[in-house]
């Protein structure tokens, strides 16, 4: 299992205000995700990115970061076997991501995800 990327998930109450800040002030490009509750901003020259969300539409709790992996099923099994708290079970979301949420030892909730299909 390999971690491909880690991206912070920041809370915002207004995505339009977030767009003005990240695009207008920081010069990042928006990569819309097709949802009205989350979007991604990326620096075109470096690839540095952040996701901004109002709330997670299908999980019981928002996550602090998304950890993209190459084998989400194996990691889910390993996390369960190790006794970590699974906050949101392993599911394949309608938008093509297979994911689960786990609480890290420091208490942060991580969205562990893999592109599916």
PDB file of N, CA and C in Angstrom:
ATOM      1  N   UNK A   1       0.851  -1.172   0.000  1.00  0.00           N
ATOM      2  CA  UNK A   1       0.000   0.000   0.000  1.00  0.00           C
ATOM      3  C   UNK A   1       0.891   1.227   0.000  1.00  0.00           C
ATOM      4  N   UNK A   2       0.561   2.190  -0.843  1.00  0.00           N
ATOM      5  CA  UNK A   2       1.331   3.419  -0.972  1.00  0.00           C
ATOM      6  C   UNK A   2       0.429   4.631  -0.777  1.00  0.00           C
ATOM      7  N   UNK A   3       0.937   5.636  -0.070  1.00  0.00           N
ATOM      8  CA  UNK A   3       0.246   6.920   0.030  1.00  0.00           C
ATOM      9  C   UNK A   3       0.658   7.744  -1.178  1.00  0.00           C
ATOM     10  N   UNK A   4      -0.321   8.132  -1.987  1.00  0.00           N
ATOM     11  CA  UNK A   4      -0.050   8.895  -3.199  1.00  0.00           C
ATOM     12  C   UNK A   4      -0.050  10.400  -2.972  1.00  0.00           C
ATOM     13  N   UNK A   5      -0.881  10.870  -2.042  1.00  0.00           N
ATOM     14  CA  UNK A   5      -0.983  12.308  -1.775  1.00  0.00           C
ATOM     15  C   UNK A   5      -1.727  12.515  -0.468  1.00  0.00           C
ATOM     16  N   UNK A   6      -1.462  13.660   0.152  1.00  0.00           N
ATOM     17  CA  UNK A   6      -2.211  14.079   1.341  1.00  0.00           C
ATOM     18  C   UNK A   6      -2.627  15.528   1.102  1.00  0.00           C
ATOM     19  N   UNK A   7      -3.914  15.792   1.296  1.00  0.00           N
ATOM     20  CA  UNK A   7      -4.440  17.127   1.037  1.00  0.00           C
ATOM     21  C   UNK A   7      -5.286  17.584   2.223  1.00  0.00           C
ATOM     22  N   UNK A   8      -5.027  18.787   2.748  1.00  0.00           N
ATOM     23  CA  UNK A   8      -5.856  19.282   3.843  1.00  0.00           C
ATOM     24  C   UNK A   8      -7.277  19.564   3.369  1.00  0.00           C
ATOM     25  N   UNK A   9      -8.228  19.328   4.258  1.00  0.00           N
ATOM     26  CA  UNK A   9      -9.639  19.649   4.021  1.00  0.00           C
ATOM     27  C   UNK A   9     -10.001  20.760   5.000  1.00  0.00           C
ATOM     28  N   UNK A  10     -10.199  21.952   4.483  1.00  0.00           N
ATOM     29  CA  UNK A  10     -10.501  23.102   5.332  1.00  0.00           C
ATOM     30  C   UNK A  10     -11.986  23.415   5.304  1.00  0.00           C
ATOM     31  N   UNK A  11     -12.509  23.831   6.436  1.00  0.00           N
ATOM     32  CA  UNK A  11     -13.926  24.186   6.541  1.00  0.00           C
ATOM     33  C   UNK A  11     -14.125  25.632   6.098  1.00  0.00           C
ATOM     34  N   UNK A  12     -15.224  25.869   5.408  1.00  0.00           N
ATOM     35  CA  UNK A  12     -15.649  27.224   5.050  1.00  0.00           C
ATOM     36  C   UNK A  12     -17.165  27.262   5.103  1.00  0.00           C
ATOM     37  N   UNK A  13     -17.705  28.386   5.474  1.00  0.00           N
ATOM     38  CA  UNK A  13     -19.160  28.523   5.485  1.00  0.00           C
ATOM     39  C   UNK A  13     -19.672  29.050   4.152  1.00  0.00           C
ATOM     40  N   UNK A  14     -18.748  29.544   3.290  1.00  0.00           N
ATOM     41  CA  UNK A  14     -19.144  30.161   2.026  1.00  0.00           C
ATOM     42  C   UNK A  14     -18.103  29.818   0.953  1.00  0.00           C
ATOM     43  N   UNK A  15     -18.463  28.961   0.015  1.00  0.00           N
ATOM     44  CA  UNK A  15     -17.510  28.568  -1.038  1.00  0.00           C
ATOM     45  C   UNK A  15     -17.191  29.715  -1.987  1.00  0.00           C
ATOM     46  N   UNK A  16     -18.125  30.634  -2.196  1.00  0.00           N
ATOM     47  CA  UNK A  16     -17.828  31.785  -3.054  1.00  0.00           C
ATOM     48  C   UNK A  16     -16.752  32.670  -2.425  1.00  0.00           C
ATOM     49  N   UNK A  17     -16.819  32.870  -1.124  1.00  0.00           N
ATOM     50  CA  UNK A  17     -15.782  33.637  -0.433  1.00  0.00           C
ATOM     51  C   UNK A  17     -14.445  32.908  -0.513  1.00  0.00           C
ATOM     52  N   UNK A  18     -14.485  31.590  -0.392  1.00  0.00           N
ATOM     53  CA  UNK A  18     -13.259  30.795  -0.526  1.00  0.00           C
ATOM     54  C   UNK A  18     -12.679  30.950  -1.919  1.00  0.00           C
ATOM     55  N   UNK A  19     -13.511  30.949  -2.951  1.00  0.00           N
ATOM     56  CA  UNK A  19     -13.040  31.149  -4.329  1.00  0.00           C
ATOM     57  C   UNK A  19     -12.340  32.495  -4.477  1.00  0.00           C
ATOM     58  N   UNK A  20     -12.952  33.537  -3.931  1.00  0.00           N
ATOM     59  CA  UNK A  20     -12.335  34.871  -4.025  1.00  0.00           C
ATOM     60  C   UNK A  20     -10.962  34.879  -3.366  1.00  0.00           C
ATOM     61  N   UNK A  21     -10.844  34.190  -2.252  1.00  0.00           N
ATOM     62  CA  UNK A  21      -9.576  34.154  -1.527  1.00  0.00           C
ATOM     63  C   UNK A  21      -8.523  33.325  -2.256  1.00  0.00           C
ATOM     64  N   UNK A  22      -8.830  32.066  -2.542  1.00  0.00           N
ATOM     65  CA  UNK A  22      -7.828  31.157  -3.110  1.00  0.00           C
ATOM     66  C   UNK A  22      -7.498  31.483  -4.566  1.00  0.00           C
ATOM     67  N   UNK A  23      -8.506  31.853  -5.354  1.00  0.00           N
ATOM     68  CA  UNK A  23      -8.261  32.186  -6.762  1.00  0.00           C
ATOM     69  C   UNK A  23      -7.817  33.639  -6.877  1.00  0.00           C
ATOM     70  N   UNK A  24      -8.604  34.541  -6.305  1.00  0.00           N
ATOM     71  CA  UNK A  24      -8.341  35.975  -6.454  1.00  0.00           C
ATOM     72  C   UNK A  24      -7.094  36.459  -5.745  1.00  0.00           C
ATOM     73  N   UNK A  25      -6.883  36.001  -4.533  1.00  0.00           N
ATOM     74  CA  UNK A  25      -5.756  36.510  -3.747  1.00  0.00           C
ATOM     75  C   UNK A  25      -4.509  35.620  -3.834  1.00  0.00           C
ATOM     76  N   UNK A  26      -4.680  34.314  -3.834  1.00  0.00           N
ATOM     77  CA  UNK A  26      -3.521  33.423  -3.857  1.00  0.00           C
ATOM     78  C   UNK A  26      -3.147  32.963  -5.261  1.00  0.00           C
ATOM     79  N   UNK A  27      -4.002  33.247  -6.257  1.00  0.00           N
ATOM     80  CA  UNK A  27      -3.689  32.889  -7.634  1.00  0.00           C
ATOM     81  C   UNK A  27      -3.799  31.408  -7.947  1.00  0.00           C
ATOM     82  N   UNK A  28      -4.548  30.674  -7.136  1.00  0.00           N
ATOM     83  CA  UNK A  28      -4.722  29.241  -7.382  1.00  0.00           C
ATOM     84  C   UNK A  28      -5.837  29.032  -8.411  1.00  0.00           C
ATOM     85  N   UNK A  29      -5.870  27.880  -9.011  1.00  0.00           N
ATOM     86  CA  UNK A  29      -6.926  27.529  -9.957  1.00  0.00           C
ATOM     87  C   UNK A  29      -7.910  26.600  -9.258  1.00  0.00           C
ATOM     88  N   UNK A  30      -9.193  26.826  -9.495  1.00  0.00           N
ATOM     89  CA  UNK A  30     -10.193  25.931  -8.917  1.00  0.00           C
ATOM     90  C   UNK A  30     -10.319  24.685  -9.782  1.00  0.00           C
ATOM     91  N   UNK A  31     -10.393  23.548  -9.122  1.00  0.00           N
ATOM     92  CA  UNK A  31     -10.693  22.271  -9.770  1.00  0.00           C
ATOM     93  C   UNK A  31     -12.028  21.804  -9.200  1.00  0.00           C
ATOM     94  N   UNK A  32     -13.132  22.242  -9.799  1.00  0.00           N
ATOM     95  CA  UNK A  32     -14.440  21.862  -9.269  1.00  0.00           C
ATOM     96  C   UNK A  32     -14.582  20.343  -9.195  1.00  0.00           C
ATOM     97  N   UNK A  33     -15.251  19.881  -8.166  1.00  0.00           N
ATOM     98  CA  UNK A  33     -15.399  18.450  -7.938  1.00  0.00           C
ATOM     99  C   UNK A  33     -16.809  17.969  -8.267  1.00  0.00           C
ATOM    100  N   UNK A  34     -17.647  18.883  -8.774  1.00  0.00           N
ATOM    101  CA  UNK A  34     -18.996  18.500  -9.164  1.00  0.00           C
ATOM    102  C   UNK A  34     -19.988  18.438  -8.022  1.00  0.00           C
ATOM    103  N   UNK A  35     -19.650  19.040  -6.887  1.00  0.00           N
ATOM    104  CA  UNK A  35     -20.544  19.042  -5.728  1.00  0.00           C
ATOM    105  C   UNK A  35     -20.723  20.476  -5.251  1.00  0.00           C
ATOM    106  N   UNK A  36     -21.823  20.740  -4.582  1.00  0.00           N
ATOM    107  CA  UNK A  36     -22.054  22.082  -4.056  1.00  0.00           C
ATOM    108  C   UNK A  36     -21.511  22.259  -2.644  1.00  0.00           C
ATOM    109  N   UNK A  37     -20.845  21.244  -2.115  1.00  0.00           N
ATOM    110  CA  UNK A  37     -20.368  21.289  -0.728  1.00  0.00           C
ATOM    111  C   UNK A  37     -18.846  21.221  -0.601  1.00  0.00           C
ATOM    112  N   UNK A  38     -18.130  20.985  -1.696  1.00  0.00           N
ATOM    113  CA  UNK A  38     -16.670  20.878  -1.632  1.00  0.00           C
ATOM    114  C   UNK A  38     -16.066  21.289  -2.972  1.00  0.00           C
ATOM    115  N   UNK A  39     -14.886  21.886  -2.920  1.00  0.00           N
ATOM    116  CA  UNK A  39     -14.137  22.210  -4.123  1.00  0.00           C
ATOM    117  C   UNK A  39     -12.650  22.137  -3.811  1.00  0.00           C
ATOM    118  N   UNK A  40     -11.845  22.127  -4.845  1.00  0.00           N
ATOM    119  CA  UNK A  40     -10.390  22.011  -4.676  1.00  0.00           C
ATOM    120  C   UNK A  40      -9.722  23.199  -5.357  1.00  0.00           C
ATOM    121  N   UNK A  41      -8.670  23.722  -4.734  1.00  0.00           N
ATOM    122  CA  UNK A  41      -7.866  24.784  -5.311  1.00  0.00           C
ATOM    123  C   UNK A  41      -6.432  24.279  -5.446  1.00  0.00           C
ATOM    124  N   UNK A  42      -5.838  24.506  -6.620  1.00  0.00           N
ATOM    125  CA  UNK A  42      -4.514  23.992  -6.922  1.00  0.00           C
ATOM    126  C   UNK A  42      -3.650  25.106  -7.479  1.00  0.00           C
ATOM    127  N   UNK A  43      -2.389  25.153  -7.051  1.00  0.00           N
ATOM    128  CA  UNK A  43      -1.432  26.065  -7.658  1.00  0.00           C
ATOM    129  C   UNK A  43      -0.985  25.441  -8.978  1.00  0.00           C
ATOM    130  N   UNK A  44      -1.239  26.102 -10.103  1.00  0.00           N
ATOM    131  CA  UNK A  44      -0.924  25.509 -11.404  1.00  0.00           C
ATOM    132  C   UNK A  44       0.563  25.204 -11.611  1.00  0.00           C
ATOM    133  N   UNK A  45       1.438  25.946 -10.964  1.00  0.00           N
ATOM    134  CA  UNK A  45       2.869  25.735 -11.205  1.00  0.00           C
ATOM    135  C   UNK A  45       3.493  24.690 -10.285  1.00  0.00           C
ATOM    136  N   UNK A  46       2.935  24.501  -9.089  1.00  0.00           N
ATOM    137  CA  UNK A  46       3.552  23.567  -8.146  1.00  0.00           C
ATOM    138  C   UNK A  46       2.711  22.323  -7.869  1.00  0.00           C
ATOM    139  N   UNK A  47       1.411  22.415  -8.101  1.00  0.00           N
ATOM    140  CA  UNK A  47       0.524  21.295  -7.775  1.00  0.00           C
ATOM    141  C   UNK A  47       0.067  21.299  -6.328  1.00  0.00           C
ATOM    142  N   UNK A  48       0.540  22.255  -5.521  1.00  0.00           N
ATOM    143  CA  UNK A  48       0.071  22.349  -4.137  1.00  0.00           C
ATOM    144  C   UNK A  48      -1.438  22.552  -4.147  1.00  0.00           C
ATOM    145  N   UNK A  49      -2.139  21.853  -3.250  1.00  0.00           N
ATOM    146  CA  UNK A  49      -3.592  21.878  -3.302  1.00  0.00           C
ATOM    147  C   UNK A  49      -4.217  21.870  -1.921  1.00  0.00           C
ATOM    148  N   UNK A  50      -5.441  22.350  -1.879  1.00  0.00           N
ATOM    149  CA  UNK A  50      -6.256  22.326  -0.671  1.00  0.00           C
ATOM    150  C   UNK A  50      -7.704  22.090  -1.101  1.00  0.00           C
ATOM    151  N   UNK A  51      -8.423  21.322  -0.300  1.00  0.00           N
ATOM    152  CA  UNK A  51      -9.858  21.154  -0.511  1.00  0.00           C
ATOM    153  C   UNK A  51     -10.572  21.990   0.535  1.00  0.00           C
ATOM    154  N   UNK A  52     -11.647  22.637   0.111  1.00  0.00           N
ATOM    155  CA  UNK A  52     -12.443  23.464   1.007  1.00  0.00           C
ATOM    156  C   UNK A  52     -13.868  22.938   0.957  1.00  0.00           C
ATOM    157  N   UNK A  53     -14.436  22.704   2.128  1.00  0.00           N
ATOM    158  CA  UNK A  53     -15.778  22.131   2.176  1.00  0.00           C
ATOM    159  C   UNK A  53     -16.657  22.823   3.198  1.00  0.00           C
ATOM    160  N   UNK A  54     -17.933  22.855   2.877  1.00  0.00           N
ATOM    161  CA  UNK A  54     -18.922  23.352   3.819  1.00  0.00           C
ATOM    162  C   UNK A  54     -19.201  22.271   4.856  1.00  0.00           C
ATOM    163  N   UNK A  55     -19.379  21.040   4.364  1.00  0.00           N
ATOM    164  CA  UNK A  55     -19.577  19.862   5.197  1.00  0.00           C
ATOM    165  C   UNK A  55     -19.437  18.656   4.283  1.00  0.00           C
ATOM    166  N   UNK A  56     -19.141  17.511   4.835  1.00  0.00           N
ATOM    167  CA  UNK A  56     -19.083  16.303   4.019  1.00  0.00           C
ATOM    168  C   UNK A  56     -20.503  15.779   3.872  1.00  0.00           C
ATOM    169  N   UNK A  57     -20.948  15.617   2.647  1.00  0.00           N
ATOM    170  CA  UNK A  57     -22.345  15.273   2.387  1.00  0.00           C
ATOM    171  C   UNK A  57     -22.730  13.856   2.783  1.00  0.00           C
ATOM    172  N   UNK A  58     -21.783  12.927   2.873  1.00  0.00           N
ATOM    173  CA  UNK A  58     -22.167  11.540   3.144  1.00  0.00           C
ATOM    174  C   UNK A  58     -21.536  10.952   4.397  1.00  0.00           C
ATOM    175  N   UNK A  59     -20.712  11.699   5.099  1.00  0.00           N
ATOM    176  CA  UNK A  59     -20.046  11.179   6.292  1.00  0.00           C
ATOM    177  C   UNK A  59     -20.625  11.839   7.546  1.00  0.00           C
ATOM    178  N   UNK A  60     -20.529  11.168   8.679  1.00  0.00           N
ATOM    179  CA  UNK A  60     -21.091  11.718   9.904  1.00  0.00           C
ATOM    180  C   UNK A  60     -20.256  12.837  10.514  1.00  0.00           C
ATOM    181  N   UNK A  61     -19.046  13.008  10.010  1.00  0.00           N
ATOM    182  CA  UNK A  61     -18.107  13.972  10.585  1.00  0.00           C
ATOM    183  C   UNK A  61     -17.192  14.460   9.463  1.00  0.00           C
ATOM    184  N   UNK A  62     -16.772  15.712   9.520  1.00  0.00           N
ATOM    185  CA  UNK A  62     -15.831  16.227   8.523  1.00  0.00           C
ATOM    186  C   UNK A  62     -14.434  15.696   8.808  1.00  0.00           C
ATOM    187  N   UNK A  63     -13.641  15.585   7.767  1.00  0.00           N
ATOM    188  CA  UNK A  63     -12.265  15.109   7.927  1.00  0.00           C
ATOM    189  C   UNK A  63     -11.295  16.283   7.867  1.00  0.00           C
ATOM    190  N   UNK A  64     -10.157  16.115   8.520  1.00  0.00           N
ATOM    191  CA  UNK A  64      -9.117  17.150   8.529  1.00  0.00           C
ATOM    192  C   UNK A  64      -8.260  17.100   7.277  1.00  0.00           C
ATOM    193  N   UNK A  65      -8.148  15.914   6.679  1.00  0.00           N
ATOM    194  CA  UNK A  65      -7.313  15.742   5.492  1.00  0.00           C
ATOM    195  C   UNK A  65      -7.781  14.528   4.715  1.00  0.00           C
ATOM    196  N   UNK A  66      -7.456  14.538   3.430  1.00  0.00           N
ATOM    197  CA  UNK A  66      -7.690  13.378   2.583  1.00  0.00           C
ATOM    198  C   UNK A  66      -6.351  12.738   2.291  1.00  0.00           C
ATOM    199  N   UNK A  67      -6.252  11.448   2.532  1.00  0.00           N
ATOM    200  CA  UNK A  67      -5.046  10.686   2.244  1.00  0.00           C
ATOM    201  C   UNK A  67      -5.395   9.763   1.082  1.00  0.00           C
ATOM    202  N   UNK A  68      -4.783  10.017  -0.073  1.00  0.00           N
ATOM    203  CA  UNK A  68      -5.034   9.194  -1.254  1.00  0.00           C
ATOM    204  C   UNK A  68      -4.064   8.026  -1.256  1.00  0.00           C
ATOM    205  N   UNK A  69      -4.605   6.820  -1.402  1.00  0.00           N
ATOM    206  CA  UNK A  69      -3.796   5.602  -1.348  1.00  0.00           C
ATOM    207  C   UNK A  69      -4.059   4.746  -2.590  1.00  0.00           C
ATOM    208  N   UNK A  70      -3.203   3.757  -2.794  1.00  0.00           N
ATOM    209  CA  UNK A  70      -3.362   2.883  -3.962  1.00  0.00           C
ATOM    210  C   UNK A  70      -4.100   1.586  -3.639  1.00  0.00           C
ATOM    211  N   UNK A  71      -4.386   1.308  -2.356  1.00  0.00           N
ATOM    212  CA  UNK A  71      -5.139   0.103  -1.995  1.00  0.00           C
ATOM    213  C   UNK A  71      -5.954   0.377  -0.728  1.00  0.00           C
ATOM    214  N   UNK A  72      -7.077   1.041  -0.910  1.00  0.00           N
ATOM    215  CA  UNK A  72      -7.902   1.447   0.220  1.00  0.00           C
ATOM    216  C   UNK A  72      -8.488   0.238   0.946  1.00  0.00           C
ATOM    217  N   UNK A  73      -8.788  -0.837   0.221  1.00  0.00           N
ATOM    218  CA  UNK A  73      -9.359  -2.022   0.869  1.00  0.00           C
ATOM    219  C   UNK A  73      -8.366  -2.658   1.837  1.00  0.00           C
ATOM    220  N   UNK A  74      -7.112  -2.776   1.423  1.00  0.00           N
ATOM    221  CA  UNK A  74      -6.089  -3.370   2.287  1.00  0.00           C
ATOM    222  C   UNK A  74      -5.849  -2.493   3.513  1.00  0.00           C
ATOM    223  N   UNK A  75      -5.823  -1.184   3.318  1.00  0.00           N
ATOM    224  CA  UNK A  75      -5.582  -0.290   4.451  1.00  0.00           C
ATOM    225  C   UNK A  75      -6.771  -0.316   5.414  1.00  0.00           C
ATOM    226  N   UNK A  76      -7.976  -0.391   4.892  1.00  0.00           N
ATOM    227  CA  UNK A  76      -9.162  -0.482   5.746  1.00  0.00           C
ATOM    228  C   UNK A  76      -9.076  -1.734   6.627  1.00  0.00           C
ATOM    229  N   UNK A  77      -8.737  -2.855   6.020  1.00  0.00           N
ATOM    230  CA  UNK A  77      -8.611  -4.103   6.783  1.00  0.00           C
ATOM    231  C   UNK A  77      -7.522  -3.981   7.849  1.00  0.00           C
ATOM    232  N   UNK A  78      -6.399  -3.377   7.507  1.00  0.00           N
ATOM    233  CA  UNK A  78      -5.294  -3.215   8.455  1.00  0.00           C
ATOM    234  C   UNK A  78      -5.680  -2.285   9.603  1.00  0.00           C
ATOM    235  N   UNK A  79      -6.376  -1.182   9.296  1.00  0.00           N
ATOM    236  CA  UNK A  79      -6.791  -0.234  10.341  1.00  0.00           C
ATOM    237  C   UNK A  79      -7.793  -0.884  11.297  1.00  0.00           C
ATOM    238  N   UNK A  80      -8.714  -1.646  10.756  1.00  0.00           N
ATOM    239  CA  UNK A  80      -9.687  -2.345  11.602  1.00  0.00           C
ATOM    240  C   UNK A  80      -8.986  -3.373  12.485  1.00  0.00           C
ATOM    241  N   UNK A  81      -8.066  -4.144  11.891  1.00  0.00           N
ATOM    242  CA  UNK A  81      -7.345  -5.170  12.657  1.00  0.00           C
ATOM    243  C   UNK A  81      -6.509  -4.547  13.770  1.00  0.00           C
ATOM    244  N   UNK A  82      -5.993  -3.351  13.523  1.00  0.00           N
ATOM    245  CA  UNK A  82      -5.176  -2.661  14.522  1.00  0.00           C
ATOM    246  C   UNK A  82      -6.021  -1.985  15.599  1.00  0.00           C
ATOM    247  N   UNK A  83      -7.329  -1.945  15.402  1.00  0.00           N
ATOM    248  CA  UNK A  83      -8.220  -1.390  16.420  1.00  0.00           C
ATOM    249  C   UNK A  83      -8.473   0.098  16.341  1.00  0.00           C
ATOM    250  N   UNK A  84      -8.127   0.737  15.231  1.00  0.00           N
ATOM    251  CA  UNK A  84      -8.390   2.172  15.094  1.00  0.00           C
ATOM    252  C   UNK A  84      -9.884   2.415  14.926  1.00  0.00           C
ATOM    253  N   UNK A  85     -10.341   3.549  15.397  1.00  0.00           N
ATOM    254  CA  UNK A  85     -11.759   3.903  15.294  1.00  0.00           C
ATOM    255  C   UNK A  85     -12.109   4.249  13.848  1.00  0.00           C
ATOM    256  N   UNK A  86     -13.010   3.497  13.273  1.00  0.00           N
ATOM    257  CA  UNK A  86     -13.507   3.785  11.932  1.00  0.00           C
ATOM    258  C   UNK A  86     -14.717   4.705  12.103  1.00  0.00           C
ATOM    259  N   UNK A  87     -14.578   5.922  11.647  1.00  0.00           N
ATOM    260  CA  UNK A  87     -15.612   6.943  11.819  1.00  0.00           C
ATOM    261  C   UNK A  87     -16.682   6.823  10.730  1.00  0.00           C
ATOM    262  N   UNK A  88     -16.268   6.408   9.534  1.00  0.00           N
ATOM    263  CA  UNK A  88     -17.169   6.242   8.386  1.00  0.00           C
ATOM    264  C   UNK A  88     -16.720   4.971   7.674  1.00  0.00           C
ATOM    265  N   UNK A  89     -17.627   4.022   7.461  1.00  0.00           N
ATOM    266  CA  UNK A  89     -17.217   2.731   6.903  1.00  0.00           C
ATOM    267  C   UNK A  89     -16.726   2.831   5.461  1.00  0.00           C
ATOM    268  N   UNK A  90     -16.063   1.799   5.009  1.00  0.00           N
ATOM    269  CA  UNK A  90     -15.570   1.720   3.632  1.00  0.00           C
ATOM    270  C   UNK A  90     -16.758   1.655   2.679  1.00  0.00           C
ATOM    271  N   UNK A  91     -16.836   2.639   1.793  1.00  0.00           N
ATOM    272  CA  UNK A  91     -17.930   2.712   0.816  1.00  0.00           C
ATOM    273  C   UNK A  91     -17.379   3.197  -0.521  1.00  0.00           C
ATOM    274  N   UNK A  92     -18.101   2.864  -1.575  1.00  0.00           N
ATOM    275  CA  UNK A  92     -17.819   3.437  -2.883  1.00  0.00           C
ATOM    276  C   UNK A  92     -18.864   4.515  -3.116  1.00  0.00           C
ATOM    277  N   UNK A  93     -18.402   5.752  -3.190  1.00  0.00           N
ATOM    278  CA  UNK A  93     -19.303   6.889  -3.345  1.00  0.00           C
ATOM    279  C   UNK A  93     -19.764   7.005  -4.796  1.00  0.00           C
ATOM    280  N   UNK A  94     -20.903   7.631  -5.005  1.00  0.00           N
ATOM    281  CA  UNK A  94     -21.486   7.793  -6.338  1.00  0.00           C
ATOM    282  C   UNK A  94     -20.565   8.560  -7.276  1.00  0.00           C
ATOM    283  N   UNK A  95     -19.666   9.376  -6.730  1.00  0.00           N
ATOM    284  CA  UNK A  95     -18.776  10.182  -7.571  1.00  0.00           C
ATOM    285  C   UNK A  95     -17.457   9.471  -7.911  1.00  0.00           C
ATOM    286  N   UNK A  96     -17.383   8.174  -7.623  1.00  0.00           N
ATOM    287  CA  UNK A  96     -16.244   7.389  -8.092  1.00  0.00           C
ATOM    288  C   UNK A  96     -15.054   7.300  -7.174  1.00  0.00           C
ATOM    289  N   UNK A  97     -15.272   7.495  -5.896  1.00  0.00           N
ATOM    290  CA  UNK A  97     -14.199   7.375  -4.913  1.00  0.00           C
ATOM    291  C   UNK A  97     -14.585   6.283  -3.919  1.00  0.00           C
ATOM    292  N   UNK A  98     -13.654   5.416  -3.600  1.00  0.00           N
ATOM    293  CA  UNK A  98     -13.842   4.416  -2.549  1.00  0.00           C
ATOM    294  C   UNK A  98     -13.092   4.947  -1.346  1.00  0.00           C
ATOM    295  N   UNK A  99     -13.758   5.033  -0.186  1.00  0.00           N
ATOM    296  CA  UNK A  99     -13.151   5.700   0.960  1.00  0.00           C
ATOM    297  C   UNK A  99     -13.718   5.221   2.282  1.00  0.00           C
ATOM    298  N   UNK A 100     -12.950   5.554   3.338  1.00  0.00           N
ATOM    299  CA  UNK A 100     -13.418   5.389   4.715  1.00  0.00           C
ATOM    300  C   UNK A 100     -12.766   6.496   5.529  1.00  0.00           C
ATOM    301  N   UNK A 101     -13.315   6.751   6.711  1.00  0.00           N
ATOM    302  CA  UNK A 101     -12.745   7.739   7.625  1.00  0.00           C
ATOM    303  C   UNK A 101     -12.219   6.997   8.848  1.00  0.00           C
ATOM    304  N   UNK A 102     -11.036   7.392   9.310  1.00  0.00           N
ATOM    305  CA  UNK A 102     -10.445   6.800  10.503  1.00  0.00           C
ATOM    306  C   UNK A 102      -9.979   7.930  11.422  1.00  0.00           C
ATOM    307  N   UNK A 103     -10.073   7.695  12.725  1.00  0.00           N
ATOM    308  CA  UNK A 103      -9.567   8.680  13.690  1.00  0.00           C
ATOM    309  C   UNK A 103      -8.112   8.341  13.982  1.00  0.00           C
ATOM    310  N   UNK A 104      -7.230   9.296  13.753  1.00  0.00           N
ATOM    311  CA  UNK A 104      -5.799   9.100  14.004  1.00  0.00           C
ATOM    312  C   UNK A 104      -5.528   9.164  15.506  1.00  0.00           C
ATOM    313  N   UNK A 105      -4.349   8.703  15.952  1.00  0.00           N
ATOM    314  CA  UNK A 105      -4.061   8.721  17.389  1.00  0.00           C
ATOM    315  C   UNK A 105      -4.189  10.099  18.040  1.00  0.00           C
ATOM    316  N   UNK A 106      -3.950  11.172  17.304  1.00  0.00           N
ATOM    317  CA  UNK A 106      -4.097  12.522  17.864  1.00  0.00           C
ATOM    318  C   UNK A 106      -5.520  13.027  17.856  1.00  0.00           C
ATOM    319  N   UNK A 107      -6.442  12.260  17.273  1.00  0.00           N
ATOM    320  CA  UNK A 107      -7.844  12.645  17.260  1.00  0.00           C
ATOM    321  C   UNK A 107      -8.350  13.196  15.935  1.00  0.00           C
ATOM    322  N   UNK A 108      -7.440  13.498  15.015  1.00  0.00           N
ATOM    323  CA  UNK A 108      -7.868  14.030  13.716  1.00  0.00           C
ATOM    324  C   UNK A 108      -8.536  12.931  12.900  1.00  0.00           C
ATOM    325  N   UNK A 109      -9.605  13.277  12.211  1.00  0.00           N
ATOM    326  CA  UNK A 109     -10.299  12.338  11.340  1.00  0.00           C
ATOM    327  C   UNK A 109      -9.709  12.470   9.936  1.00  0.00           C
ATOM    328  N   UNK A 110      -9.289  11.326   9.382  1.00  0.00           N
ATOM    329  CA  UNK A 110      -8.703  11.304   8.046  1.00  0.00           C
ATOM    330  C   UNK A 110      -9.633  10.587   7.078  1.00  0.00           C
ATOM    331  N   UNK A 111      -9.784  11.168   5.905  1.00  0.00           N
ATOM    332  CA  UNK A 111     -10.544  10.590   4.812  1.00  0.00           C
ATOM    333  C   UNK A 111      -9.522   9.779   3.989  1.00  0.00           C
ATOM    334  N   UNK A 112      -9.592   8.465   4.053  1.00  0.00           N
ATOM    335  CA  UNK A 112      -8.671   7.603   3.312  1.00  0.00           C
ATOM    336  C   UNK A 112      -9.386   7.220   2.017  1.00  0.00           C
ATOM    337  N   UNK A 113      -8.820   7.587   0.864  1.00  0.00           N
ATOM    338  CA  UNK A 113      -9.557   7.483  -0.387  1.00  0.00           C
ATOM    339  C   UNK A 113      -8.721   6.919  -1.530  1.00  0.00           C
ATOM    340  N   UNK A 114      -9.441   6.297  -2.460  1.00  0.00           N
ATOM    341  CA  UNK A 114      -8.833   5.792  -3.694  1.00  0.00           C
ATOM    342  C   UNK A 114      -9.845   5.994  -4.821  1.00  0.00           C
ATOM    343  N   UNK A 115      -9.367   6.461  -5.953  1.00  0.00           N
ATOM    344  CA  UNK A 115     -10.212   6.579  -7.136  1.00  0.00           C
ATOM    345  C   UNK A 115     -10.723   5.193  -7.502  1.00  0.00           C
ATOM    346  N   UNK A 116     -11.994   5.072  -7.812  1.00  0.00           N
ATOM    347  CA  UNK A 116     -12.588   3.762  -8.084  1.00  0.00           C
ATOM    348  C   UNK A 116     -13.194   3.753  -9.486  1.00  0.00           C
ATOM    349  N   UNK A 117     -12.912   2.702 -10.190  1.00  0.00           N
ATOM    350  CA  UNK A 117     -13.522   2.526 -11.506  1.00  0.00           C
ATOM    351  C   UNK A 117     -12.809   3.215 -12.535  1.00  0.00           C
TER     352      UNK A 117
END
